[in-house]
């Protein structure tokens, strides 16, 4: 199976300055513009998935911590107030008047 059997032609509108960047970078890397755009899209999707996975992991860890400390069911403003109180307590301990 050739690459063309696995490809789909897509037409997109992009700003001229972005297109200029693409053409300059593609030329610098000695690639065809179409190939370079395909690489950019694939890398962008991979980055998006990676960032999303990281955010989901951090969110799950934060929920676990809230559950462990008994704050999971609290309204967000109460959790934030508790965190602010802790911050002030630590600041008072580290930097007494």
PDB file of N, CA and C in Angstrom:
ATOM      1  N   UNK A   1       0.843  -1.180   0.000  1.00  0.00           N
ATOM      2  CA  UNK A   1       0.000   0.000   0.000  1.00  0.00           C
ATOM      3  C   UNK A   1       0.888   1.243   0.000  1.00  0.00           C
ATOM      4  N   UNK A   2       0.647   2.139  -0.910  1.00  0.00           N
ATOM      5  CA  UNK A   2       1.479   3.335  -1.012  1.00  0.00           C
ATOM      6  C   UNK A   2       0.984   4.419  -0.069  1.00  0.00           C
ATOM      7  N   UNK A   3       1.819   5.451   0.082  1.00  0.00           N
ATOM      8  CA  UNK A   3       1.458   6.583   0.937  1.00  0.00           C
ATOM      9  C   UNK A   3       0.188   7.276   0.454  1.00  0.00           C
ATOM     10  N   UNK A   4       0.001   7.324  -0.861  1.00  0.00           N
ATOM     11  CA  UNK A   4      -1.184   8.000  -1.380  1.00  0.00           C
ATOM     12  C   UNK A   4      -2.454   7.234  -1.039  1.00  0.00           C
ATOM     13  N   UNK A   5      -2.355   5.912  -0.856  1.00  0.00           N
ATOM     14  CA  UNK A   5      -3.519   5.136  -0.432  1.00  0.00           C
ATOM     15  C   UNK A   5      -3.897   5.464   1.007  1.00  0.00           C
ATOM     16  N   UNK A   6      -2.962   5.963   1.787  1.00  0.00           N
ATOM     17  CA  UNK A   6      -3.180   6.275   3.191  1.00  0.00           C
ATOM     18  C   UNK A   6      -3.365   7.771   3.435  1.00  0.00           C
ATOM     19  N   UNK A   7      -3.439   8.552   2.381  1.00  0.00           N
ATOM     20  CA  UNK A   7      -3.521  10.010   2.513  1.00  0.00           C
ATOM     21  C   UNK A   7      -4.855  10.537   2.018  1.00  0.00           C
ATOM     22  N   UNK A   8      -5.216  11.704   2.533  1.00  0.00           N
ATOM     23  CA  UNK A   8      -6.425  12.397   2.108  1.00  0.00           C
ATOM     24  C   UNK A   8      -6.025  13.825   1.772  1.00  0.00           C
ATOM     25  N   UNK A   9      -6.483  14.319   0.640  1.00  0.00           N
ATOM     26  CA  UNK A   9      -6.181  15.689   0.262  1.00  0.00           C
ATOM     27  C   UNK A   9      -7.144  16.622   0.980  1.00  0.00           C
ATOM     28  N   UNK A  10      -6.584  17.679   1.596  1.00  0.00           N
ATOM     29  CA  UNK A  10      -7.375  18.636   2.358  1.00  0.00           C
ATOM     30  C   UNK A  10      -6.998  20.041   1.904  1.00  0.00           C
ATOM     31  N   UNK A  11      -7.988  20.904   1.793  1.00  0.00           N
ATOM     32  CA  UNK A  11      -7.739  22.304   1.458  1.00  0.00           C
ATOM     33  C   UNK A  11      -8.044  23.141   2.689  1.00  0.00           C
ATOM     34  N   UNK A  12      -7.082  23.975   3.084  1.00  0.00           N
ATOM     35  CA  UNK A  12      -7.273  24.836   4.255  1.00  0.00           C
ATOM     36  C   UNK A  12      -6.874  26.266   3.914  1.00  0.00           C
ATOM     37  N   UNK A  13      -7.466  27.200   4.625  1.00  0.00           N
ATOM     38  CA  UNK A  13      -7.078  28.603   4.512  1.00  0.00           C
ATOM     39  C   UNK A  13      -6.257  28.956   5.739  1.00  0.00           C
ATOM     40  N   UNK A  14      -5.060  29.491   5.512  1.00  0.00           N
ATOM     41  CA  UNK A  14      -4.215  29.924   6.625  1.00  0.00           C
ATOM     42  C   UNK A  14      -3.740  31.343   6.345  1.00  0.00           C
ATOM     43  N   UNK A  15      -3.428  32.093   7.388  1.00  0.00           N
ATOM     44  CA  UNK A  15      -2.927  33.454   7.185  1.00  0.00           C
ATOM     45  C   UNK A  15      -1.630  33.454   6.366  1.00  0.00           C
ATOM     46  N   UNK A  16      -1.433  34.522   5.600  1.00  0.00           N
ATOM     47  CA  UNK A  16      -0.245  34.617   4.747  1.00  0.00           C
ATOM     48  C   UNK A  16       1.047  34.551   5.546  1.00  0.00           C
ATOM     49  N   UNK A  17       1.069  35.184   6.728  1.00  0.00           N
ATOM     50  CA  UNK A  17       2.303  35.158   7.509  1.00  0.00           C
ATOM     51  C   UNK A  17       2.609  33.743   7.998  1.00  0.00           C
ATOM     52  N   UNK A  18       1.587  32.966   8.297  1.00  0.00           N
ATOM     53  CA  UNK A  18       1.805  31.570   8.697  1.00  0.00           C
ATOM     54  C   UNK A  18       2.320  30.779   7.499  1.00  0.00           C
ATOM     55  N   UNK A  19       1.726  31.021   6.335  1.00  0.00           N
ATOM     56  CA  UNK A  19       2.177  30.331   5.128  1.00  0.00           C
ATOM     57  C   UNK A  19       3.636  30.661   4.822  1.00  0.00           C
ATOM     58  N   UNK A  20       4.012  31.927   5.005  1.00  0.00           N
ATOM     59  CA  UNK A  20       5.407  32.320   4.793  1.00  0.00           C
ATOM     60  C   UNK A  20       6.337  31.554   5.726  1.00  0.00           C
ATOM     61  N   UNK A  21       5.931  31.453   6.994  1.00  0.00           N
ATOM     62  CA  UNK A  21       6.740  30.701   7.958  1.00  0.00           C
ATOM     63  C   UNK A  21       6.872  29.247   7.529  1.00  0.00           C
ATOM     64  N   UNK A  22       5.773  28.674   7.073  1.00  0.00           N
ATOM     65  CA  UNK A  22       5.790  27.276   6.636  1.00  0.00           C
ATOM     66  C   UNK A  22       6.731  27.103   5.452  1.00  0.00           C
ATOM     67  N   UNK A  23       6.619  27.980   4.458  1.00  0.00           N
ATOM     68  CA  UNK A  23       7.466  27.835   3.272  1.00  0.00           C
ATOM     69  C   UNK A  23       8.937  28.031   3.606  1.00  0.00           C
ATOM     70  N   UNK A  24       9.240  28.999   4.470  1.00  0.00           N
ATOM     71  CA  UNK A  24      10.635  29.234   4.853  1.00  0.00           C
ATOM     72  C   UNK A  24      11.201  28.054   5.634  1.00  0.00           C
ATOM     73  N   UNK A  25      10.428  27.543   6.567  1.00  0.00           N
ATOM     74  CA  UNK A  25      10.904  26.427   7.378  1.00  0.00           C
ATOM     75  C   UNK A  25      11.029  25.167   6.535  1.00  0.00           C
ATOM     76  N   UNK A  26      10.052  24.922   5.670  1.00  0.00           N
ATOM     77  CA  UNK A  26      10.110  23.750   4.796  1.00  0.00           C
ATOM     78  C   UNK A  26      11.338  23.822   3.897  1.00  0.00           C
ATOM     79  N   UNK A  27      11.609  25.001   3.352  1.00  0.00           N
ATOM     80  CA  UNK A  27      12.789  25.168   2.500  1.00  0.00           C
ATOM     81  C   UNK A  27      14.060  24.935   3.296  1.00  0.00           C
ATOM     82  N   UNK A  28      14.108  25.457   4.514  1.00  0.00           N
ATOM     83  CA  UNK A  28      15.282  25.264   5.364  1.00  0.00           C
ATOM     84  C   UNK A  28      15.527  23.805   5.701  1.00  0.00           C
ATOM     85  N   UNK A  29      14.460  23.035   5.777  1.00  0.00           N
ATOM     86  CA  UNK A  29      14.581  21.607   6.075  1.00  0.00           C
ATOM     87  C   UNK A  29      14.581  20.757   4.811  1.00  0.00           C
ATOM     88  N   UNK A  30      14.588  21.427   3.663  1.00  0.00           N
ATOM     89  CA  UNK A  30      14.597  20.780   2.352  1.00  0.00           C
ATOM     90  C   UNK A  30      13.455  19.772   2.216  1.00  0.00           C
ATOM     91  N   UNK A  31      12.263  20.239   2.532  1.00  0.00           N
ATOM     92  CA  UNK A  31      11.058  19.403   2.428  1.00  0.00           C
ATOM     93  C   UNK A  31      10.052  20.092   1.512  1.00  0.00           C
ATOM     94  N   UNK A  32       9.179  19.294   0.941  1.00  0.00           N
ATOM     95  CA  UNK A  32       8.057  19.833   0.187  1.00  0.00           C
ATOM     96  C   UNK A  32       7.076  20.444   1.182  1.00  0.00           C
ATOM     97  N   UNK A  33       6.432  21.525   0.788  1.00  0.00           N
ATOM     98  CA  UNK A  33       5.492  22.209   1.679  1.00  0.00           C
ATOM     99  C   UNK A  33       4.392  21.253   2.140  1.00  0.00           C
ATOM    100  N   UNK A  34       3.844  20.465   1.212  1.00  0.00           N
ATOM    101  CA  UNK A  34       2.767  19.538   1.564  1.00  0.00           C
ATOM    102  C   UNK A  34       3.230  18.531   2.615  1.00  0.00           C
ATOM    103  N   UNK A  35       4.442  18.000   2.438  1.00  0.00           N
ATOM    104  CA  UNK A  35       4.981  17.036   3.407  1.00  0.00           C
ATOM    105  C   UNK A  35       5.192  17.698   4.762  1.00  0.00           C
ATOM    106  N   UNK A  36       5.732  18.913   4.725  1.00  0.00           N
ATOM    107  CA  UNK A  36       6.007  19.626   5.972  1.00  0.00           C
ATOM    108  C   UNK A  36       4.714  19.948   6.718  1.00  0.00           C
ATOM    109  N   UNK A  37       3.677  20.367   5.998  1.00  0.00           N
ATOM    110  CA  UNK A  37       2.387  20.639   6.637  1.00  0.00           C
ATOM    111  C   UNK A  37       1.814  19.377   7.277  1.00  0.00           C
ATOM    112  N   UNK A  38       1.965  18.248   6.608  1.00  0.00           N
ATOM    113  CA  UNK A  38       1.507  16.981   7.179  1.00  0.00           C
ATOM    114  C   UNK A  38       2.230  16.655   8.470  1.00  0.00           C
ATOM    115  N   UNK A  39       3.542  16.906   8.483  1.00  0.00           N
ATOM    116  CA  UNK A  39       4.347  16.672   9.689  1.00  0.00           C
ATOM    117  C   UNK A  39       3.902  17.608  10.806  1.00  0.00           C
ATOM    118  N   UNK A  40       3.701  18.892  10.471  1.00  0.00           N
ATOM    119  CA  UNK A  40       3.253  19.855  11.484  1.00  0.00           C
ATOM    120  C   UNK A  40       1.919  19.448  12.103  1.00  0.00           C
ATOM    121  N   UNK A  41       0.999  19.009  11.272  1.00  0.00           N
ATOM    122  CA  UNK A  41      -0.313  18.600  11.787  1.00  0.00           C
ATOM    123  C   UNK A  41      -0.171  17.382  12.687  1.00  0.00           C
ATOM    124  N   UNK A  42       0.596  16.395  12.254  1.00  0.00           N
ATOM    125  CA  UNK A  42       0.779  15.180  13.058  1.00  0.00           C
ATOM    126  C   UNK A  42       1.448  15.497  14.390  1.00  0.00           C
ATOM    127  N   UNK A  43       2.492  16.337  14.354  1.00  0.00           N
ATOM    128  CA  UNK A  43       3.183  16.705  15.594  1.00  0.00           C
ATOM    129  C   UNK A  43       2.279  17.534  16.502  1.00  0.00           C
ATOM    130  N   UNK A  44       1.488  18.414  15.920  1.00  0.00           N
ATOM    131  CA  UNK A  44       0.559  19.216  16.711  1.00  0.00           C
ATOM    132  C   UNK A  44      -0.478  18.349  17.407  1.00  0.00           C
ATOM    133  N   UNK A  45      -0.993  17.360  16.688  1.00  0.00           N
ATOM    134  CA  UNK A  45      -1.959  16.444  17.299  1.00  0.00           C
ATOM    135  C   UNK A  45      -1.323  15.638  18.421  1.00  0.00           C
ATOM    136  N   UNK A  46      -0.095  15.175  18.196  1.00  0.00           N
ATOM    137  CA  UNK A  46       0.604  14.408  19.233  1.00  0.00           C
ATOM    138  C   UNK A  46       0.828  15.272  20.469  1.00  0.00           C
ATOM    139  N   UNK A  47       1.211  16.522  20.260  1.00  0.00           N
ATOM    140  CA  UNK A  47       1.412  17.436  21.390  1.00  0.00           C
ATOM    141  C   UNK A  47       0.103  17.692  22.118  1.00  0.00           C
ATOM    142  N   UNK A  48      -0.963  17.858  21.372  1.00  0.00           N
ATOM    143  CA  UNK A  48      -2.279  18.112  21.968  1.00  0.00           C
ATOM    144  C   UNK A  48      -2.698  16.931  22.832  1.00  0.00           C
ATOM    145  N   UNK A  49      -2.505  15.724  22.316  1.00  0.00           N
ATOM    146  CA  UNK A  49      -2.856  14.524  23.077  1.00  0.00           C
ATOM    147  C   UNK A  49      -1.997  14.431  24.325  1.00  0.00           C
ATOM    148  N   UNK A  50      -0.703  14.707  24.191  1.00  0.00           N
ATOM    149  CA  UNK A  50       0.204  14.633  25.328  1.00  0.00           C
ATOM    150  C   UNK A  50      -0.203  15.631  26.406  1.00  0.00           C
ATOM    151  N   UNK A  51      -0.468  16.863  26.019  1.00  0.00           N
ATOM    152  CA  UNK A  51      -0.874  17.889  26.985  1.00  0.00           C
ATOM    153  C   UNK A  51      -2.186  17.489  27.649  1.00  0.00           C
ATOM    154  N   UNK A  52      -3.107  16.990  26.857  1.00  0.00           N
ATOM    155  CA  UNK A  52      -4.397  16.565  27.415  1.00  0.00           C
ATOM    156  C   UNK A  52      -4.205  15.438  28.429  1.00  0.00           C
ATOM    157  N   UNK A  53      -3.350  14.460  28.090  1.00  0.00           N
ATOM    158  CA  UNK A  53      -3.086  13.355  29.017  1.00  0.00           C
ATOM    159  C   UNK A  53      -2.451  13.864  30.302  1.00  0.00           C
ATOM    160  N   UNK A  54      -1.520  14.788  30.182  1.00  0.00           N
ATOM    161  CA  UNK A  54      -0.869  15.357  31.365  1.00  0.00           C
ATOM    162  C   UNK A  54      -1.903  16.058  32.236  1.00  0.00           C
ATOM    163  N   UNK A  55      -2.761  16.858  31.615  1.00  0.00           N
ATOM    164  CA  UNK A  55      -3.778  17.582  32.377  1.00  0.00           C
ATOM    165  C   UNK A  55      -4.759  16.624  33.054  1.00  0.00           C
ATOM    166  N   UNK A  56      -5.131  15.553  32.362  1.00  0.00           N
ATOM    167  CA  UNK A  56      -6.036  14.567  32.958  1.00  0.00           C
ATOM    168  C   UNK A  56      -5.372  13.863  34.136  1.00  0.00           C
ATOM    169  N   UNK A  57      -4.082  13.548  34.000  1.00  0.00           N
ATOM    170  CA  UNK A  57      -3.349  12.900  35.091  1.00  0.00           C
ATOM    171  C   UNK A  57      -3.251  13.822  36.294  1.00  0.00           C
ATOM    172  N   UNK A  58      -2.886  15.073  36.057  1.00  0.00           N
ATOM    173  CA  UNK A  58      -2.775  16.043  37.150  1.00  0.00           C
ATOM    174  C   UNK A  58      -4.135  16.248  37.814  1.00  0.00           C
ATOM    175  N   UNK A  59      -5.180  16.321  37.010  1.00  0.00           N
ATOM    176  CA  UNK A  59      -6.525  16.498  37.552  1.00  0.00           C
ATOM    177  C   UNK A  59      -6.917  15.313  38.431  1.00  0.00           C
ATOM    178  N   UNK A  60      -6.623  14.105  37.985  1.00  0.00           N
ATOM    179  CA  UNK A  60      -6.938  12.910  38.777  1.00  0.00           C
ATOM    180  C   UNK A  60      -6.144  12.904  40.080  1.00  0.00           C
ATOM    181  N   UNK A  61      -4.872  13.286  40.007  1.00  0.00           N
ATOM    182  CA  UNK A  61      -4.047  13.345  41.218  1.00  0.00           C
ATOM    183  C   UNK A  61      -4.594  14.387  42.190  1.00  0.00           C
ATOM    184  N   UNK A  62      -5.038  15.519  41.675  1.00  0.00           N
ATOM    185  CA  UNK A  62      -5.586  16.574  42.529  1.00  0.00           C
ATOM    186  C   UNK A  62      -6.887  16.111  43.189  1.00  0.00           C
ATOM    187  N   UNK A  63      -7.748  15.445  42.405  1.00  0.00           N
ATOM    188  CA  UNK A  63      -8.983  14.908  42.986  1.00  0.00           C
ATOM    189  C   UNK A  63      -8.673  13.883  44.072  1.00  0.00           C
ATOM    190  N   UNK A  64      -7.671  13.021  43.837  1.00  0.00           N
ATOM    191  CA  UNK A  64      -7.271  12.038  44.846  1.00  0.00           C
ATOM    192  C   UNK A  64      -6.796  12.731  46.116  1.00  0.00           C
ATOM    193  N   UNK A  65      -6.022  13.798  45.943  1.00  0.00           N
ATOM    194  CA  UNK A  65      -5.523  14.532  47.112  1.00  0.00           C
ATOM    195  C   UNK A  65      -6.676  15.196  47.873  1.00  0.00           C
ATOM    196  N   UNK A  66      -7.612  15.799  47.138  1.00  0.00           N
ATOM    197  CA  UNK A  66      -8.779  16.400  47.789  1.00  0.00           C
ATOM    198  C   UNK A  66      -9.581  15.342  48.546  1.00  0.00           C
ATOM    199  N   UNK A  67      -9.720  14.171  47.945  1.00  0.00           N
ATOM    200  CA  UNK A  67     -10.451  13.086  48.604  1.00  0.00           C
ATOM    201  C   UNK A  67      -9.722  12.648  49.865  1.00  0.00           C
ATOM    202  N   UNK A  68      -8.409  12.504  49.775  1.00  0.00           N
ATOM    203  CA  UNK A  68      -7.595  12.069  50.909  1.00  0.00           C
ATOM    204  C   UNK A  68      -7.668  13.060  52.066  1.00  0.00           C
ATOM    205  N   UNK A  69      -7.728  14.337  51.750  1.00  0.00           N
ATOM    206  CA  UNK A  69      -7.760  15.372  52.791  1.00  0.00           C
ATOM    207  C   UNK A  69      -9.182  15.743  53.210  1.00  0.00           C
ATOM    208  N   UNK A  70     -10.176  15.082  52.612  1.00  0.00           N
ATOM    209  CA  UNK A  70     -11.555  15.344  52.984  1.00  0.00           C
ATOM    210  C   UNK A  70     -12.152  16.586  52.365  1.00  0.00           C
ATOM    211  N   UNK A  71     -11.527  17.107  51.335  1.00  0.00           N
ATOM    212  CA  UNK A  71     -12.011  18.342  50.707  1.00  0.00           C
ATOM    213  C   UNK A  71     -12.710  18.100  49.371  1.00  0.00           C
ATOM    214  N   UNK A  72     -12.851  16.841  48.966  1.00  0.00           N
ATOM    215  CA  UNK A  72     -13.395  16.564  47.631  1.00  0.00           C
ATOM    216  C   UNK A  72     -14.824  17.069  47.466  1.00  0.00           C
ATOM    217  N   UNK A  73     -15.653  16.920  48.481  1.00  0.00           N
ATOM    218  CA  UNK A  73     -17.042  17.339  48.364  1.00  0.00           C
ATOM    219  C   UNK A  73     -17.291  18.799  48.683  1.00  0.00           C
ATOM    220  N   UNK A  74     -16.247  19.518  49.086  1.00  0.00           N
ATOM    221  CA  UNK A  74     -16.419  20.926  49.463  1.00  0.00           C
ATOM    222  C   UNK A  74     -16.589  21.806  48.235  1.00  0.00           C
ATOM    223  N   UNK A  75     -17.336  22.883  48.392  1.00  0.00           N
ATOM    224  CA  UNK A  75     -17.426  23.854  47.292  1.00  0.00           C
ATOM    225  C   UNK A  75     -16.042  24.449  46.998  1.00  0.00           C
ATOM    226  N   UNK A  76     -15.779  24.768  45.745  1.00  0.00           N
ATOM    227  CA  UNK A  76     -14.465  25.302  45.362  1.00  0.00           C
ATOM    228  C   UNK A  76     -14.035  26.521  46.171  1.00  0.00           C
ATOM    229  N   UNK A  77     -14.974  27.413  46.494  1.00  0.00           N
ATOM    230  CA  UNK A  77     -14.583  28.622  47.232  1.00  0.00           C
ATOM    231  C   UNK A  77     -14.084  28.270  48.633  1.00  0.00           C
ATOM    232  N   UNK A  78     -14.619  27.209  49.239  1.00  0.00           N
ATOM    233  CA  UNK A  78     -14.134  26.785  50.559  1.00  0.00           C
ATOM    234  C   UNK A  78     -12.732  26.190  50.456  1.00  0.00           C
ATOM    235  N   UNK A  79     -12.494  25.403  49.403  1.00  0.00           N
ATOM    236  CA  UNK A  79     -11.162  24.822  49.197  1.00  0.00           C
ATOM    237  C   UNK A  79     -10.150  25.939  48.981  1.00  0.00           C
ATOM    238  N   UNK A  80     -10.496  26.919  48.151  1.00  0.00           N
ATOM    239  CA  UNK A  80      -9.585  28.038  47.899  1.00  0.00           C
ATOM    240  C   UNK A  80      -9.331  28.848  49.163  1.00  0.00           C
ATOM    241  N   UNK A  81     -10.351  29.044  49.971  1.00  0.00           N
ATOM    242  CA  UNK A  81     -10.178  29.771  51.227  1.00  0.00           C
ATOM    243  C   UNK A  81      -9.239  29.008  52.152  1.00  0.00           C
ATOM    244  N   UNK A  82      -9.398  27.686  52.209  1.00  0.00           N
ATOM    245  CA  UNK A  82      -8.514  26.857  53.036  1.00  0.00           C
ATOM    246  C   UNK A  82      -7.063  26.983  52.558  1.00  0.00           C
ATOM    247  N   UNK A  83      -6.871  26.934  51.245  1.00  0.00           N
ATOM    248  CA  UNK A  83      -5.516  27.065  50.692  1.00  0.00           C
ATOM    249  C   UNK A  83      -4.932  28.443  50.993  1.00  0.00           C
ATOM    250  N   UNK A  84      -5.749  29.476  50.898  1.00  0.00           N
ATOM    251  CA  UNK A  84      -5.276  30.831  51.207  1.00  0.00           C
ATOM    252  C   UNK A  84      -4.900  30.936  52.685  1.00  0.00           C
ATOM    253  N   UNK A  85      -5.703  30.335  53.557  1.00  0.00           N
ATOM    254  CA  UNK A  85      -5.385  30.341  54.989  1.00  0.00           C
ATOM    255  C   UNK A  85      -4.060  29.632  55.256  1.00  0.00           C
ATOM    256  N   UNK A  86      -3.853  28.489  54.583  1.00  0.00           N
ATOM    257  CA  UNK A  86      -2.583  27.764  54.740  1.00  0.00           C
ATOM    258  C   UNK A  86      -1.408  28.609  54.265  1.00  0.00           C
ATOM    259  N   UNK A  87      -1.598  29.266  53.130  1.00  0.00           N
ATOM    260  CA  UNK A  87      -0.531  30.120  52.598  1.00  0.00           C
ATOM    261  C   UNK A  87      -0.179  31.227  53.576  1.00  0.00           C
ATOM    262  N   UNK A  88      -1.180  31.861  54.151  1.00  0.00           N
ATOM    263  CA  UNK A  88      -0.935  32.930  55.125  1.00  0.00           C
ATOM    264  C   UNK A  88      -0.253  32.386  56.376  1.00  0.00           C
ATOM    265  N   UNK A  89      -0.656  31.207  56.823  1.00  0.00           N
ATOM    266  CA  UNK A  89      -0.038  30.588  57.996  1.00  0.00           C
ATOM    267  C   UNK A  89       1.441  30.309  57.737  1.00  0.00           C
ATOM    268  N   UNK A  90       1.742  29.765  56.577  1.00  0.00           N
ATOM    269  CA  UNK A  90       3.136  29.468  56.226  1.00  0.00           C
ATOM    270  C   UNK A  90       3.936  30.759  56.107  1.00  0.00           C
ATOM    271  N   UNK A  91       3.367  31.771  55.476  1.00  0.00           N
ATOM    272  CA  UNK A  91       4.058  33.059  55.337  1.00  0.00           C
ATOM    273  C   UNK A  91       4.336  33.668  56.702  1.00  0.00           C
ATOM    274  N   UNK A  92       3.382  33.569  57.626  1.00  0.00           N
ATOM    275  CA  UNK A  92       3.581  34.097  58.985  1.00  0.00           C
ATOM    276  C   UNK A  92       4.701  33.358  59.711  1.00  0.00           C
ATOM    277  N   UNK A  93       4.785  32.037  59.486  1.00  0.00           N
ATOM    278  CA  UNK A  93       5.840  31.249  60.129  1.00  0.00           C
ATOM    279  C   UNK A  93       7.211  31.560  59.542  1.00  0.00           C
ATOM    280  N   UNK A  94       7.258  31.730  58.224  1.00  0.00           N
ATOM    281  CA  UNK A  94       8.543  31.976  57.565  1.00  0.00           C
ATOM    282  C   UNK A  94       8.995  33.426  57.685  1.00  0.00           C
ATOM    283  N   UNK A  95       8.055  34.335  57.696  1.00  0.00           N
ATOM    284  CA  UNK A  95       8.375  35.755  57.725  1.00  0.00           C
ATOM    285  C   UNK A  95       7.601  36.446  58.844  1.00  0.00           C
ATOM    286  N   UNK A  96       7.946  36.164  60.100  1.00  0.00           N
ATOM    287  CA  UNK A  96       7.219  36.803  61.203  1.00  0.00           C
ATOM    288  C   UNK A  96       7.476  38.312  61.209  1.00  0.00           C
ATOM    289  N   UNK A  97       6.515  39.049  61.724  1.00  0.00           N
ATOM    290  CA  UNK A  97       6.644  40.517  61.788  1.00  0.00           C
ATOM    291  C   UNK A  97       7.718  40.955  62.724  1.00  0.00           C
TER     292      UNK A  97
END
